[in-house]
């Protein structure tokens, strides 16, 4: 349900925001 599942949600959110800034499309909870 989030990137870097082993790390705290705050860090996961920072990574998500940076990737979205780079216009990377993110799919979570998708197997």
ModelCIF file with pLDDT and N, C-alpha, C, O atoms, coordinates in Angstrom:
data_MODEL
#
_entry.id   MODEL 
#
_entity.id                         1 
_entity.type                       polymer 
_entity.pdbx_number_of_molecules   1 
#
_entity_poly.entity_id                      1 
_entity_poly.type                           'polypeptide(L)' 
_entity_poly.nstd_linkage                   no 
_entity_poly.nstd_monomer                   no 
_entity_poly.pdbx_seq_one_letter_code       
;(UNK)(UNK)(UNK)(UNK)(UNK)(UNK)(UNK)(UNK)(UNK)(UNK)(UNK)(UNK)(UNK)(UNK)(UNK)(UNK)
(UNK)(UNK)(UNK)(UNK)(UNK)(UNK)(UNK)(UNK)(UNK)(UNK)(UNK)(UNK)(UNK)(UNK)(UNK)
;
_entity_poly.pdbx_seq_one_letter_code_can   XXXXXXXXXXXXXXXXXXXXXXXXXXXXXXX 
_entity_poly.pdbx_strand_id                 A 
#
loop_
_entity_poly_seq.entity_id 
_entity_poly_seq.num 
_entity_poly_seq.mon_id 
_entity_poly_seq.hetero 
1 1  UNK n 
1 2  UNK n 
1 3  UNK n 
1 4  UNK n 
1 5  UNK n 
1 6  UNK n 
1 7  UNK n 
1 8  UNK n 
1 9  UNK n 
1 10 UNK n 
1 11 UNK n 
1 12 UNK n 
1 13 UNK n 
1 14 UNK n 
1 15 UNK n 
1 16 UNK n 
1 17 UNK n 
1 18 UNK n 
1 19 UNK n 
1 20 UNK n 
1 21 UNK n 
1 22 UNK n 
1 23 UNK n 
1 24 UNK n 
1 25 UNK n 
1 26 UNK n 
1 27 UNK n 
1 28 UNK n 
1 29 UNK n 
1 30 UNK n 
1 31 UNK n 
#
_struct_asym.id          A 
_struct_asym.entity_id   1 
#
loop_
_ma_qa_metric.id 
_ma_qa_metric.mode 
_ma_qa_metric.name 
_ma_qa_metric.software_group_id 
_ma_qa_metric.type 
1 global pLDDT . pLDDT 
2 local  pLDDT . pLDDT 
#
_ma_qa_metric_global.metric_id      1 
_ma_qa_metric_global.metric_value   94.29 
_ma_qa_metric_global.model_id       1 
_ma_qa_metric_global.ordinal_id     1 
#
loop_
_ma_qa_metric_local.label_asym_id 
_ma_qa_metric_local.label_comp_id 
_ma_qa_metric_local.label_seq_id 
_ma_qa_metric_local.metric_id 
_ma_qa_metric_local.metric_value 
_ma_qa_metric_local.model_id 
_ma_qa_metric_local.ordinal_id 
A UNK 1  2 94.00 1 1  
A UNK 2  2 94.00 1 2  
A UNK 3  2 96.00 1 3  
A UNK 4  2 94.00 1 4  
A UNK 5  2 87.00 1 5  
A UNK 6  2 87.00 1 6  
A UNK 7  2 89.00 1 7  
A UNK 8  2 93.00 1 8  
A UNK 9  2 92.00 1 9  
A UNK 10 2 94.00 1 10 
A UNK 11 2 93.00 1 11 
A UNK 12 2 94.00 1 12 
A UNK 13 2 94.00 1 13 
A UNK 14 2 95.00 1 14 
A UNK 15 2 95.00 1 15 
A UNK 16 2 95.00 1 16 
A UNK 17 2 96.00 1 17 
A UNK 18 2 96.00 1 18 
A UNK 19 2 97.00 1 19 
A UNK 20 2 95.00 1 20 
A UNK 21 2 95.00 1 21 
A UNK 22 2 93.00 1 22 
A UNK 23 2 94.00 1 23 
A UNK 24 2 96.00 1 24 
A UNK 25 2 97.00 1 25 
A UNK 26 2 97.00 1 26 
A UNK 27 2 97.00 1 27 
A UNK 28 2 96.00 1 28 
A UNK 29 2 96.00 1 29 
A UNK 30 2 96.00 1 30 
A UNK 31 2 96.00 1 31 
#
loop_
_atom_site.group_PDB 
_atom_site.id 
_atom_site.type_symbol 
_atom_site.label_atom_id 
_atom_site.label_alt_id 
_atom_site.label_comp_id 
_atom_site.label_asym_id 
_atom_site.label_entity_id 
_atom_site.label_seq_id 
_atom_site.pdbx_PDB_ins_code 
_atom_site.Cartn_x 
_atom_site.Cartn_y 
_atom_site.Cartn_z 
_atom_site.occupancy 
_atom_site.B_iso_or_equiv 
_atom_site.pdbx_formal_charge 
_atom_site.auth_seq_id 
_atom_site.auth_comp_id 
_atom_site.auth_asym_id 
_atom_site.auth_atom_id 
_atom_site.pdbx_PDB_model_num 
ATOM 1   N N  . UNK A 1 1  ? 0.808  -1.223 0.000   1.00 94.00 ? 1  UNK A N  1 
ATOM 2   C CA . UNK A 1 1  ? 0.000  0.000  0.000   1.00 94.00 ? 1  UNK A CA 1 
ATOM 3   C C  . UNK A 1 1  ? 0.840  1.272  0.000   1.00 94.00 ? 1  UNK A C  1 
ATOM 4   O O  . UNK A 1 1  ? 0.289  2.370  -0.076  1.00 94.00 ? 1  UNK A O  1 
ATOM 5   N N  . UNK A 1 2  ? 2.182  1.143  0.085   1.00 94.00 ? 2  UNK A N  1 
ATOM 6   C CA . UNK A 1 2  ? 3.043  2.315  0.015   1.00 94.00 ? 2  UNK A CA 1 
ATOM 7   C C  . UNK A 1 2  ? 4.422  1.911  -0.472  1.00 94.00 ? 2  UNK A C  1 
ATOM 8   O O  . UNK A 1 2  ? 4.794  0.739  -0.406  1.00 94.00 ? 2  UNK A O  1 
ATOM 9   N N  . UNK A 1 3  ? 5.178  2.885  -0.961  1.00 96.00 ? 3  UNK A N  1 
ATOM 10  C CA . UNK A 1 3  ? 6.553  2.635  -1.371  1.00 96.00 ? 3  UNK A CA 1 
ATOM 11  C C  . UNK A 1 3  ? 7.420  2.410  -0.134  1.00 96.00 ? 3  UNK A C  1 
ATOM 12  O O  . UNK A 1 3  ? 7.083  2.849  0.966   1.00 96.00 ? 3  UNK A O  1 
ATOM 13  N N  . UNK A 1 4  ? 8.540  1.720  -0.334  1.00 94.00 ? 4  UNK A N  1 
ATOM 14  C CA . UNK A 1 4  ? 9.457  1.424  0.771   1.00 94.00 ? 4  UNK A CA 1 
ATOM 15  C C  . UNK A 1 4  ? 8.693  0.954  2.004   1.00 94.00 ? 4  UNK A C  1 
ATOM 16  O O  . UNK A 1 4  ? 8.753  1.600  3.049   1.00 94.00 ? 4  UNK A O  1 
ATOM 17  N N  . UNK A 1 5  ? 7.973  -0.168 1.895   1.00 87.00 ? 5  UNK A N  1 
ATOM 18  C CA . UNK A 1 5  ? 7.088  -0.617 2.983   1.00 87.00 ? 5  UNK A CA 1 
ATOM 19  C C  . UNK A 1 5  ? 7.797  -0.851 4.310   1.00 87.00 ? 5  UNK A C  1 
ATOM 20  O O  . UNK A 1 5  ? 7.159  -0.828 5.363   1.00 87.00 ? 5  UNK A O  1 
ATOM 21  N N  . UNK A 1 6  ? 9.116  -1.079 4.275   1.00 87.00 ? 6  UNK A N  1 
ATOM 22  C CA . UNK A 1 6  ? 9.832  -1.352 5.524   1.00 87.00 ? 6  UNK A CA 1 
ATOM 23  C C  . UNK A 1 6  ? 10.182 -0.073 6.284   1.00 87.00 ? 6  UNK A C  1 
ATOM 24  O O  . UNK A 1 6  ? 10.592 -0.138 7.443   1.00 87.00 ? 6  UNK A O  1 
ATOM 25  N N  . UNK A 1 7  ? 10.027 1.079  5.649   1.00 89.00 ? 7  UNK A N  1 
ATOM 26  C CA . UNK A 1 7  ? 10.416 2.340  6.269   1.00 89.00 ? 7  UNK A CA 1 
ATOM 27  C C  . UNK A 1 7  ? 9.194  3.097  6.803   1.00 89.00 ? 7  UNK A C  1 
ATOM 28  O O  . UNK A 1 7  ? 8.063  2.788  6.427   1.00 89.00 ? 7  UNK A O  1 
ATOM 29  N N  . UNK A 1 8  ? 9.415  4.080  7.674   1.00 93.00 ? 8  UNK A N  1 
ATOM 30  C CA . UNK A 1 8  ? 8.293  4.850  8.232   1.00 93.00 ? 8  UNK A CA 1 
ATOM 31  C C  . UNK A 1 8  ? 7.500  5.565  7.138   1.00 93.00 ? 8  UNK A C  1 
ATOM 32  O O  . UNK A 1 8  ? 8.068  5.939  6.112   1.00 93.00 ? 8  UNK A O  1 
ATOM 33  N N  . UNK A 1 9  ? 6.200  5.756  7.345   1.00 92.00 ? 9  UNK A N  1 
ATOM 34  C CA . UNK A 1 9  ? 5.349  6.404  6.342   1.00 92.00 ? 9  UNK A CA 1 
ATOM 35  C C  . UNK A 1 9  ? 5.846  7.780  5.915   1.00 92.00 ? 9  UNK A C  1 
ATOM 36  O O  . UNK A 1 9  ? 5.666  8.162  4.759   1.00 92.00 ? 9  UNK A O  1 
ATOM 37  N N  . UNK A 1 10 ? 6.465  8.532  6.818   1.00 94.00 ? 10 UNK A N  1 
ATOM 38  C CA . UNK A 1 10 ? 6.946  9.871  6.479   1.00 94.00 ? 10 UNK A CA 1 
ATOM 39  C C  . UNK A 1 10 ? 7.979  9.820  5.368   1.00 94.00 ? 10 UNK A C  1 
ATOM 40  O O  . UNK A 1 10 ? 7.942  10.633 4.444   1.00 94.00 ? 10 UNK A O  1 
ATOM 41  N N  . UNK A 1 11 ? 8.912  8.855  5.453   1.00 93.00 ? 11 UNK A N  1 
ATOM 42  C CA . UNK A 1 11 ? 9.936  8.715  4.420   1.00 93.00 ? 11 UNK A CA 1 
ATOM 43  C C  . UNK A 1 11 ? 9.323  8.226  3.113   1.00 93.00 ? 11 UNK A C  1 
ATOM 44  O O  . UNK A 1 11 ? 9.705  8.673  2.032   1.00 93.00 ? 11 UNK A O  1 
ATOM 45  N N  . UNK A 1 12 ? 8.380  7.314  3.221   1.00 94.00 ? 12 UNK A N  1 
ATOM 46  C CA . UNK A 1 12 ? 7.698  6.815  2.032   1.00 94.00 ? 12 UNK A CA 1 
ATOM 47  C C  . UNK A 1 12 ? 6.996  7.957  1.296   1.00 94.00 ? 12 UNK A C  1 
ATOM 48  O O  . UNK A 1 12 ? 7.021  8.020  0.067   1.00 94.00 ? 12 UNK A O  1 
ATOM 49  N N  . UNK A 1 13 ? 6.367  8.859  2.059   1.00 94.00 ? 13 UNK A N  1 
ATOM 50  C CA . UNK A 1 13 ? 5.659  9.989  1.455   1.00 94.00 ? 13 UNK A CA 1 
ATOM 51  C C  . UNK A 1 13 ? 6.647  10.944 0.780   1.00 94.00 ? 13 UNK A C  1 
ATOM 52  O O  . UNK A 1 13 ? 6.337  11.482 -0.283  1.00 94.00 ? 13 UNK A O  1 
ATOM 53  N N  . UNK A 1 14 ? 7.806  11.166 1.358   1.00 95.00 ? 14 UNK A N  1 
ATOM 54  C CA . UNK A 1 14 ? 8.817  12.041 0.760   1.00 95.00 ? 14 UNK A CA 1 
ATOM 55  C C  . UNK A 1 14 ? 9.283  11.487 -0.585  1.00 95.00 ? 14 UNK A C  1 
ATOM 56  O O  . UNK A 1 14 ? 9.441  12.230 -1.554  1.00 95.00 ? 14 UNK A O  1 
ATOM 57  N N  . UNK A 1 15 ? 9.501  10.158 -0.630  1.00 95.00 ? 15 UNK A N  1 
ATOM 58  C CA . UNK A 1 15 ? 9.924  9.518  -1.880  1.00 95.00 ? 15 UNK A CA 1 
ATOM 59  C C  . UNK A 1 15 ? 8.820  9.615  -2.924  1.00 95.00 ? 15 UNK A C  1 
ATOM 60  O O  . UNK A 1 15 ? 9.079  9.911  -4.091  1.00 95.00 ? 15 UNK A O  1 
ATOM 61  N N  . UNK A 1 16 ? 7.600  9.365  -2.500  1.00 95.00 ? 16 UNK A N  1 
ATOM 62  C CA . UNK A 1 16 ? 6.455  9.443  -3.411  1.00 95.00 ? 16 UNK A CA 1 
ATOM 63  C C  . UNK A 1 16 ? 6.346  10.842 -4.023  1.00 95.00 ? 16 UNK A C  1 
ATOM 64  O O  . UNK A 1 16 ? 6.146  10.984 -5.230  1.00 95.00 ? 16 UNK A O  1 
ATOM 65  N N  . UNK A 1 17 ? 6.478  11.866 -3.187  1.00 96.00 ? 17 UNK A N  1 
ATOM 66  C CA . UNK A 1 17 ? 6.377  13.246 -3.665  1.00 96.00 ? 17 UNK A CA 1 
ATOM 67  C C  . UNK A 1 17 ? 7.486  13.564 -4.668  1.00 96.00 ? 17 UNK A C  1 
ATOM 68  O O  . UNK A 1 17 ? 7.244  14.244 -5.665  1.00 96.00 ? 17 UNK A O  1 
ATOM 69  N N  . UNK A 1 18 ? 8.693  13.077 -4.409  1.00 96.00 ? 18 UNK A N  1 
ATOM 70  C CA . UNK A 1 18 ? 9.815  13.363 -5.302  1.00 96.00 ? 18 UNK A CA 1 
ATOM 71  C C  . UNK A 1 18 ? 9.632  12.663 -6.647  1.00 96.00 ? 18 UNK A C  1 
ATOM 72  O O  . UNK A 1 18 ? 9.896  13.255 -7.694  1.00 96.00 ? 18 UNK A O  1 
ATOM 73  N N  . UNK A 1 19 ? 9.180  11.404 -6.627  1.00 97.00 ? 19 UNK A N  1 
ATOM 74  C CA . UNK A 1 19 ? 8.956  10.681 -7.873  1.00 97.00 ? 19 UNK A CA 1 
ATOM 75  C C  . UNK A 1 19 ? 7.832  11.327 -8.686  1.00 97.00 ? 19 UNK A C  1 
ATOM 76  O O  . UNK A 1 19 ? 7.918  11.412 -9.911  1.00 97.00 ? 19 UNK A O  1 
ATOM 77  N N  . UNK A 1 20 ? 6.799  11.771 -8.014  1.00 95.00 ? 20 UNK A N  1 
ATOM 78  C CA . UNK A 1 20 ? 5.708  12.441 -8.722  1.00 95.00 ? 20 UNK A CA 1 
ATOM 79  C C  . UNK A 1 20 ? 6.180  13.772 -9.306  1.00 95.00 ? 20 UNK A C  1 
ATOM 80  O O  . UNK A 1 20 ? 5.701  14.196 -10.357 1.00 95.00 ? 20 UNK A O  1 
ATOM 81  N N  . UNK A 1 21 ? 7.111  14.423 -8.628  1.00 95.00 ? 21 UNK A N  1 
ATOM 82  C CA . UNK A 1 21 ? 7.700  15.653 -9.174  1.00 95.00 ? 21 UNK A CA 1 
ATOM 83  C C  . UNK A 1 21 ? 8.444  15.350 -10.471 1.00 95.00 ? 21 UNK A C  1 
ATOM 84  O O  . UNK A 1 21 ? 8.478  16.178 -11.381 1.00 95.00 ? 21 UNK A O  1 
ATOM 85  N N  . UNK A 1 22 ? 9.036  14.168 -10.551 1.00 93.00 ? 22 UNK A N  1 
ATOM 86  C CA . UNK A 1 22 ? 9.734  13.741 -11.768 1.00 93.00 ? 22 UNK A CA 1 
ATOM 87  C C  . UNK A 1 22 ? 8.771  13.177 -12.815 1.00 93.00 ? 22 UNK A C  1 
ATOM 88  O O  . UNK A 1 22 ? 9.196  12.694 -13.865 1.00 93.00 ? 22 UNK A O  1 
ATOM 89  N N  . UNK A 1 23 ? 7.483  13.242 -12.520 1.00 94.00 ? 23 UNK A N  1 
ATOM 90  C CA . UNK A 1 23 ? 6.425  12.763 -13.419 1.00 94.00 ? 23 UNK A CA 1 
ATOM 91  C C  . UNK A 1 23 ? 6.467  11.252 -13.620 1.00 94.00 ? 23 UNK A C  1 
ATOM 92  O O  . UNK A 1 23 ? 6.131  10.742 -14.689 1.00 94.00 ? 23 UNK A O  1 
ATOM 93  N N  . UNK A 1 24 ? 6.886  10.548 -12.573 1.00 96.00 ? 24 UNK A N  1 
ATOM 94  C CA . UNK A 1 24 ? 6.806  9.088  -12.572 1.00 96.00 ? 24 UNK A CA 1 
ATOM 95  C C  . UNK A 1 24 ? 5.401  8.704  -12.109 1.00 96.00 ? 24 UNK A C  1 
ATOM 96  O O  . UNK A 1 24 ? 4.935  9.172  -11.070 1.00 96.00 ? 24 UNK A O  1 
ATOM 97  N N  . UNK A 1 25 ? 4.739  7.860  -12.877 1.00 97.00 ? 25 UNK A N  1 
ATOM 98  C CA . UNK A 1 25 ? 3.402  7.412  -12.498 1.00 97.00 ? 25 UNK A CA 1 
ATOM 99  C C  . UNK A 1 25 ? 3.531  6.271  -11.489 1.00 97.00 ? 25 UNK A C  1 
ATOM 100 O O  . UNK A 1 25 ? 4.249  5.301  -11.735 1.00 97.00 ? 25 UNK A O  1 
ATOM 101 N N  . UNK A 1 26 ? 2.849  6.384  -10.373 1.00 97.00 ? 26 UNK A N  1 
ATOM 102 C CA . UNK A 1 26 ? 2.977  5.422  -9.280  1.00 97.00 ? 26 UNK A CA 1 
ATOM 103 C C  . UNK A 1 26 ? 1.690  4.622  -9.126  1.00 97.00 ? 26 UNK A C  1 
ATOM 104 O O  . UNK A 1 26 ? 0.596  5.183  -9.059  1.00 97.00 ? 26 UNK A O  1 
ATOM 105 N N  . UNK A 1 27 ? 1.840  3.287  -9.070  1.00 97.00 ? 27 UNK A N  1 
ATOM 106 C CA . UNK A 1 27 ? 0.726  2.406  -8.732  1.00 97.00 ? 27 UNK A CA 1 
ATOM 107 C C  . UNK A 1 27 ? 1.083  1.677  -7.441  1.00 97.00 ? 27 UNK A C  1 
ATOM 108 O O  . UNK A 1 27 ? 2.088  0.968  -7.393  1.00 97.00 ? 27 UNK A O  1 
ATOM 109 N N  . UNK A 1 28 ? 0.279  1.839  -6.402  1.00 96.00 ? 28 UNK A N  1 
ATOM 110 C CA . UNK A 1 28 ? 0.448  1.048  -5.183  1.00 96.00 ? 28 UNK A CA 1 
ATOM 111 C C  . UNK A 1 28 ? -0.775 0.145  -5.030  1.00 96.00 ? 28 UNK A C  1 
ATOM 112 O O  . UNK A 1 28 ? -1.820 0.378  -5.638  1.00 96.00 ? 28 UNK A O  1 
ATOM 113 N N  . UNK A 1 29 ? -0.618 -0.892 -4.203  1.00 96.00 ? 29 UNK A N  1 
ATOM 114 C CA . UNK A 1 29 ? -1.678 -1.902 -4.011  1.00 96.00 ? 29 UNK A CA 1 
ATOM 115 C C  . UNK A 1 29 ? -2.089 -2.520 -5.336  1.00 96.00 ? 29 UNK A C  1 
ATOM 116 O O  . UNK A 1 29 ? -3.255 -2.863 -5.530  1.00 96.00 ? 29 UNK A O  1 
ATOM 117 N N  . UNK A 1 30 ? -1.140 -2.663 -6.245  1.00 96.00 ? 30 UNK A N  1 
ATOM 118 C CA . UNK A 1 30 ? -1.392 -3.282 -7.548  1.00 96.00 ? 30 UNK A CA 1 
ATOM 119 C C  . UNK A 1 30 ? -0.394 -4.416 -7.747  1.00 96.00 ? 30 UNK A C  1 
ATOM 120 O O  . UNK A 1 30 ? 0.807  -4.180 -7.876  1.00 96.00 ? 30 UNK A O  1 
ATOM 121 N N  . UNK A 1 31 ? -0.893 -5.639 -7.772  1.00 96.00 ? 31 UNK A N  1 
ATOM 122 C CA . UNK A 1 31 ? -0.042 -6.809 -7.935  1.00 96.00 ? 31 UNK A CA 1 
ATOM 123 C C  . UNK A 1 31 ? -0.117 -7.294 -9.381  1.00 96.00 ? 31 UNK A C  1 
ATOM 124 O O  . UNK A 1 31 ? 0.531  -8.279 -9.737  1.00 96.00 ? 31 UNK A O  1 
#
